Every structure is written in C-alpha cells, then in structure tokens.
C-alpha atoms as a PDB file:
ATOM      1  CA  UNK A   1      -1.187  14.597   4.535  1.00  0.00           C
ATOM      2  CA  UNK A   2       1.109  12.077   2.939  1.00  0.00           C
ATOM      3  CA  UNK A   3       3.374  12.916   0.024  1.00  0.00           C
ATOM      4  CA  UNK A   4       2.258  11.241  -3.181  1.00  0.00           C
ATOM      5  CA  UNK A   5       4.690   9.540  -5.534  1.00  0.00           C
ATOM      6  CA  UNK A   6       4.210   8.189  -9.033  1.00  0.00           C
ATOM      7  CA  UNK A   7       4.559   4.412  -9.356  1.00  0.00           C
ATOM      8  CA  UNK A   8       3.621   2.513 -12.522  1.00  0.00           C
ATOM      9  CA  UNK A   9       1.234   5.273 -13.530  1.00  0.00           C
ATOM     10  CA  UNK A  10      -0.648   5.286 -10.201  1.00  0.00           C
ATOM     11  CA  UNK A  11      -0.208   7.803  -7.420  1.00  0.00           C
ATOM     12  CA  UNK A  12       0.506   6.219  -4.054  1.00  0.00           C
ATOM     13  CA  UNK A  13       1.499   7.849  -0.800  1.00  0.00           C
ATOM     14  CA  UNK A  14       5.053   7.709   0.531  1.00  0.00           C
ATOM     15  CA  UNK A  15       3.852   5.871   3.644  1.00  0.00           C
ATOM     16  CA  UNK A  16       1.696   3.572   1.566  1.00  0.00           C
ATOM     17  CA  UNK A  17       0.610   0.064   2.433  1.00  0.00           C
ATOM     18  CA  UNK A  18       0.524  -0.802  -1.300  1.00  0.00           C
ATOM     19  CA  UNK A  19       3.195  -3.442  -0.792  1.00  0.00           C
ATOM     20  CA  UNK A  20       3.335  -4.874  -4.313  1.00  0.00           C
ATOM     21  CA  UNK A  21       3.690  -1.364  -5.774  1.00  0.00           C
ATOM     22  CA  UNK A  22       6.439  -0.180  -3.421  1.00  0.00           C
ATOM     23  CA  UNK A  23       7.698  -3.139  -1.368  1.00  0.00           C
ATOM     24  CA  UNK A  24      10.640  -5.431  -1.848  1.00  0.00           C
ATOM     25  CA  UNK A  25      11.492  -8.974  -0.869  1.00  0.00           C
ATOM     26  CA  UNK A  26      12.317  -9.465   2.801  1.00  0.00           C
ATOM     27  CA  UNK A  27      11.634 -11.494   5.918  1.00  0.00           C
ATOM     28  CA  UNK A  28       9.313 -10.258   8.662  1.00  0.00           C
ATOM     29  CA  UNK A  29       7.256 -12.084  11.302  1.00  0.00           C
ATOM     30  CA  UNK A  30       8.867 -15.323  10.174  1.00  0.00           C
ATOM     31  CA  UNK A  31       7.794 -15.163   6.547  1.00  0.00           C
ATOM     32  CA  UNK A  32       9.556 -14.354   3.313  1.00  0.00           C
ATOM     33  CA  UNK A  33       7.433 -12.037   1.226  1.00  0.00           C
ATOM     34  CA  UNK A  34       7.210  -8.456  -0.048  1.00  0.00           C
ATOM     35  CA  UNK A  35       7.451  -5.734   2.583  1.00  0.00           C
ATOM     36  CA  UNK A  36       7.612  -1.952   2.682  1.00  0.00           C
ATOM     37  CA  UNK A  37      11.174  -1.246   3.809  1.00  0.00           C
ATOM     38  CA  UNK A  38      13.451   1.722   4.294  1.00  0.00           C
ATOM     39  CA  UNK A  39      16.867   2.092   2.649  1.00  0.00           C
ATOM     40  CA  UNK A  40      18.409  -0.097   5.375  1.00  0.00           C
ATOM     41  CA  UNK A  41      15.967  -2.987   4.911  1.00  0.00           C
ATOM     42  CA  UNK A  42      14.058  -2.152   8.091  1.00  0.00           C
ATOM     43  CA  UNK A  43      10.277  -2.363   7.997  1.00  0.00           C
ATOM     44  CA  UNK A  44       8.977   1.061   7.026  1.00  0.00           C
ATOM     45  CA  UNK A  45       5.966   2.778   8.587  1.00  0.00           C
ATOM     46  CA  UNK A  46       2.883   2.333   6.428  1.00  0.00           C
ATOM     47  CA  UNK A  47      -0.417   4.110   6.164  1.00  0.00           C
ATOM     48  CA  UNK A  48      -3.871   3.378   4.788  1.00  0.00           C
ATOM     49  CA  UNK A  49      -7.214   4.986   5.522  1.00  0.00           C
ATOM     50  CA  UNK A  50      -8.312   1.398   6.104  1.00  0.00           C
ATOM     51  CA  UNK A  51      -7.201  -0.145   9.381  1.00  0.00           C
ATOM     52  CA  UNK A  52      -7.454  -3.539   7.679  1.00  0.00           C
ATOM     53  CA  UNK A  53      -4.962  -2.601   4.971  1.00  0.00           C
ATOM     54  CA  UNK A  54      -2.194  -0.907   6.944  1.00  0.00           C
ATOM     55  CA  UNK A  55       0.175  -3.866   7.352  1.00  0.00           C
ATOM     56  CA  UNK A  56       3.675  -3.384   5.881  1.00  0.00           C
ATOM     57  CA  UNK A  57       3.600  -6.605   3.870  1.00  0.00           C
ATOM     58  CA  UNK A  58       1.536  -9.240   2.130  1.00  0.00           C
ATOM     59  CA  UNK A  59       1.211 -12.941   2.814  1.00  0.00           C
ATOM     60  CA  UNK A  60       3.531 -15.295   0.953  1.00  0.00           C
ATOM     61  CA  UNK A  61       0.593 -16.786  -0.985  1.00  0.00           C
ATOM     62  CA  UNK A  62      -0.265 -13.384  -2.438  1.00  0.00           C
ATOM     63  CA  UNK A  63       3.397 -12.742  -3.227  1.00  0.00           C
ATOM     64  CA  UNK A  64       3.569 -16.073  -5.065  1.00  0.00           C
ATOM     65  CA  UNK A  65       0.371 -15.397  -7.025  1.00  0.00           C
ATOM     66  CA  UNK A  66       1.806 -12.026  -8.033  1.00  0.00           C
ATOM     67  CA  UNK A  67       5.171 -13.527  -9.011  1.00  0.00           C
ATOM     68  CA  UNK A  68       3.620 -16.168 -11.267  1.00  0.00           C
ATOM     69  CA  UNK A  69       1.178 -13.690 -12.824  1.00  0.00           C
ATOM     70  CA  UNK A  70      -2.010 -15.293 -11.462  1.00  0.00           C
ATOM     71  CA  UNK A  71      -3.034 -12.165  -9.535  1.00  0.00           C
ATOM     72  CA  UNK A  72      -2.622  -8.450 -10.065  1.00  0.00           C
ATOM     73  CA  UNK A  73      -2.455  -6.084  -7.107  1.00  0.00           C
ATOM     74  CA  UNK A  74      -2.973  -2.403  -7.822  1.00  0.00           C
ATOM     75  CA  UNK A  75      -2.523   0.624  -5.567  1.00  0.00           C
ATOM     76  CA  UNK A  76      -5.530   2.818  -4.803  1.00  0.00           C
ATOM     77  CA  UNK A  77      -5.193   6.170  -3.060  1.00  0.00           C
ATOM     78  CA  UNK A  78      -7.254   7.142  -0.028  1.00  0.00           C
ATOM     79  CA  UNK A  79      -9.139   9.671  -2.153  1.00  0.00           C
ATOM     80  CA  UNK A  80     -10.041   7.047  -4.759  1.00  0.00           C
ATOM     81  CA  UNK A  81     -11.242   4.630  -2.049  1.00  0.00           C
ATOM     82  CA  UNK A  82     -13.304   7.333  -0.322  1.00  0.00           C
ATOM     83  CA  UNK A  83     -14.885   8.392  -3.626  1.00  0.00           C
ATOM     84  CA  UNK A  84     -15.780   4.751  -4.371  1.00  0.00           C
ATOM     85  CA  UNK A  85     -17.205   4.330  -0.841  1.00  0.00           C
ATOM     86  CA  UNK A  86     -19.412   7.394  -1.354  1.00  0.00           C
ATOM     87  CA  UNK A  87     -20.371   6.399  -4.916  1.00  0.00           C
ATOM     88  CA  UNK A  88     -21.587   2.933  -3.947  1.00  0.00           C
ATOM     89  CA  UNK A  89     -23.496   4.310  -0.946  1.00  0.00           C
ATOM     90  CA  UNK A  90     -25.103   7.028  -3.062  1.00  0.00           C
ATOM     91  CA  UNK A  91     -25.982   4.942  -6.146  1.00  0.00           C
ATOM     92  CA  UNK A  92     -26.774   1.512  -4.669  1.00  0.00           C
ATOM     93  CA  UNK A  93     -27.520   2.190  -1.008  1.00  0.00           C
ATOM     94  CA  UNK A  94     -24.677  -0.155  -0.040  1.00  0.00           C
ATOM     95  CA  UNK A  95     -22.169   1.109   2.502  1.00  0.00           C
ATOM     96  CA  UNK A  96     -19.065  -0.961   1.770  1.00  0.00           C
ATOM     97  CA  UNK A  97     -16.228  -1.562   4.181  1.00  0.00           C
ATOM     98  CA  UNK A  98     -13.384   0.760   3.205  1.00  0.00           C
ATOM     99  CA  UNK A  99     -11.301  -2.326   2.329  1.00  0.00           C
ATOM    100  CA  UNK A 100     -13.926  -3.302  -0.268  1.00  0.00           C
ATOM    101  CA  UNK A 101     -14.138   0.300  -1.456  1.00  0.00           C
ATOM    102  CA  UNK A 102     -10.568  -0.101  -2.707  1.00  0.00           C
ATOM    103  CA  UNK A 103     -11.795  -2.861  -5.056  1.00  0.00           C
ATOM    104  CA  UNK A 104     -14.738  -0.707  -6.151  1.00  0.00           C
ATOM    105  CA  UNK A 105     -12.307   2.136  -6.913  1.00  0.00           C
ATOM    106  CA  UNK A 106     -10.257  -0.094  -9.173  1.00  0.00           C
ATOM    107  CA  UNK A 107     -13.403  -1.412 -10.892  1.00  0.00           C
ATOM    108  CA  UNK A 108     -14.421   2.196 -11.609  1.00  0.00           C
ATOM    109  CA  UNK A 109     -11.032   2.708 -13.291  1.00  0.00           C
ATOM    110  CA  UNK A 110     -11.075  -0.642 -15.108  1.00  0.00           C
ATOM    111  CA  UNK A 111     -14.647  -0.653 -16.469  1.00  0.00           C
ATOM    112  CA  UNK A 112     -14.130   2.043 -19.148  1.00  0.00           C
ATOM    113  CA  UNK A 113     -11.245   0.016 -20.639  1.00  0.00           C
ATOM    114  CA  UNK A 114     -13.346  -3.140 -21.047  1.00  0.00           C
ATOM    115  CA  UNK A 115     -15.684  -4.342 -23.792  1.00  0.00           C
ATOM    116  CA  UNK A 116     -19.354  -3.575 -23.183  1.00  0.00           C
ATOM    117  CA  UNK A 117     -20.219  -7.274 -22.805  1.00  0.00           C
ATOM    118  CA  UNK A 118     -17.569  -7.934 -20.136  1.00  0.00           C
ATOM    119  CA  UNK A 119     -18.647  -8.274 -16.499  1.00  0.00           C
ATOM    120  CA  UNK A 120     -16.867  -7.282 -13.284  1.00  0.00           C
ATOM    121  CA  UNK A 121     -17.741  -9.113 -10.069  1.00  0.00           C
ATOM    122  CA  UNK A 122     -16.740  -7.567  -6.728  1.00  0.00           C
ATOM    123  CA  UNK A 123     -17.305  -9.258  -3.405  1.00  0.00           C
ATOM    124  CA  UNK A 124     -18.263  -6.606  -0.871  1.00  0.00           C
ATOM    125  CA  UNK A 125     -17.135  -7.736   2.555  1.00  0.00           C
ATOM    126  CA  UNK A 126     -17.573  -6.349   6.010  1.00  0.00           C
ATOM    127  CA  UNK A 127     -19.736  -3.522   7.256  1.00  0.00           C
ATOM    128  CA  UNK A 128     -19.147  -0.021   6.002  1.00  0.00           C
ATOM    129  CA  UNK A 129     -21.078   1.613   8.808  1.00  0.00           C
ATOM    130  CA  UNK A 130     -18.020   1.073  11.027  1.00  0.00           C
ATOM    131  CA  UNK A 131     -16.025   3.245   8.599  1.00  0.00           C
ATOM    132  CA  UNK A 132     -18.435   6.190   8.311  1.00  0.00           C
ATOM    133  CA  UNK A 133     -16.695   8.151  11.088  1.00  0.00           C
ATOM    134  CA  UNK A 134     -13.278   7.646   9.442  1.00  0.00           C
ATOM    135  CA  UNK A 135     -14.672   8.822   6.100  1.00  0.00           C
ATOM    136  CA  UNK A 136     -16.228  11.879   7.754  1.00  0.00           C
ATOM    137  CA  UNK A 137     -12.919  12.738   9.451  1.00  0.00           C
ATOM    138  CA  UNK A 138     -11.125  12.284   6.132  1.00  0.00           C
ATOM    139  CA  UNK A 139     -13.579  14.782   4.611  1.00  0.00           C
ATOM    140  CA  UNK A 140     -12.810  17.251   7.407  1.00  0.00           C
ATOM    141  CA  UNK A 141     -15.930  16.758   9.517  1.00  0.00           C
ATOM    142  CA  UNK A 142     -15.510  17.180  13.269  1.00  0.00           C
ATOM    143  CA  UNK A 143     -17.144  13.942  14.371  1.00  0.00           C
ATOM    144  CA  UNK A 144     -16.966  12.084  17.654  1.00  0.00           C
ATOM    145  CA  UNK A 145     -17.659   8.364  17.917  1.00  0.00           C
END
C-alpha cells in the first residue's frame, strides 16, 4: 500500500502520478513541464492503478492550460477511482476504463456542490473490461488473466 499525504484538501499517495498536485517544473524526455521529482530533481517513481495514468509528468500543453487557469487537474485516489468504476457499472451498466473512472470520481465529488440545473458531461473512453482483473486484484480477489 502507498502512504497517503494531504495535498490541497485531497489525499494522494506518496508515489502518486497526480503531477499537478505534487510535481514541479522540470525537463524530461526533451520537454519542459511539470514532473514528479525527488529532492534532487530526479524523476521520482510514480504509481496509479491505471496503467494509462502512471507517467511521472504531463504534456506541456496541459501544463500551460493549468498555468493560465483554463484547465483544472485534480488528484483522485485509487479507492475513489475504483468506487466510481463500480458505481457506473452497477447503476448504468457501463464498464468505464479506469482512466475515465477518475473523471467519474471527481464528478461524484463535484455534483453535490453545483446548482440543481447545472450539467456535468463526461466522455467515457476506452474499454473497462480490460481493467476488471486489475479492479478485482485491488479488491483482494485472487484472479488470473
């Protein structure tokens, strides 16, 4: 298990891939952007339940959108993403990719703070069936692919 830390009111893991929440400006793979780094400026190991989200940085376009306030990037824990994955599958019959489940998790947090006539649109990408084994392992099931 990964140690959780408090960052801007959200719990994220120490080896998080939530780059905007925990990263700092650096250069890696030929691009200047935000990256998860250790105290020496070396790229730090990162972790996400989602294989698609476990890169130690973000693209420079996303960094720019964040810097100018056009986009907000929020950390979601593995548990929140897994709960959202299960919720959408249970209530709508849609098995989202775990990457998309992160967006669903934030929408679940955001919706109660919004006016009743506001609408949230989430694009569900990918196929969640590929993630079912990872979710089962996360829940402690002994499953073999």
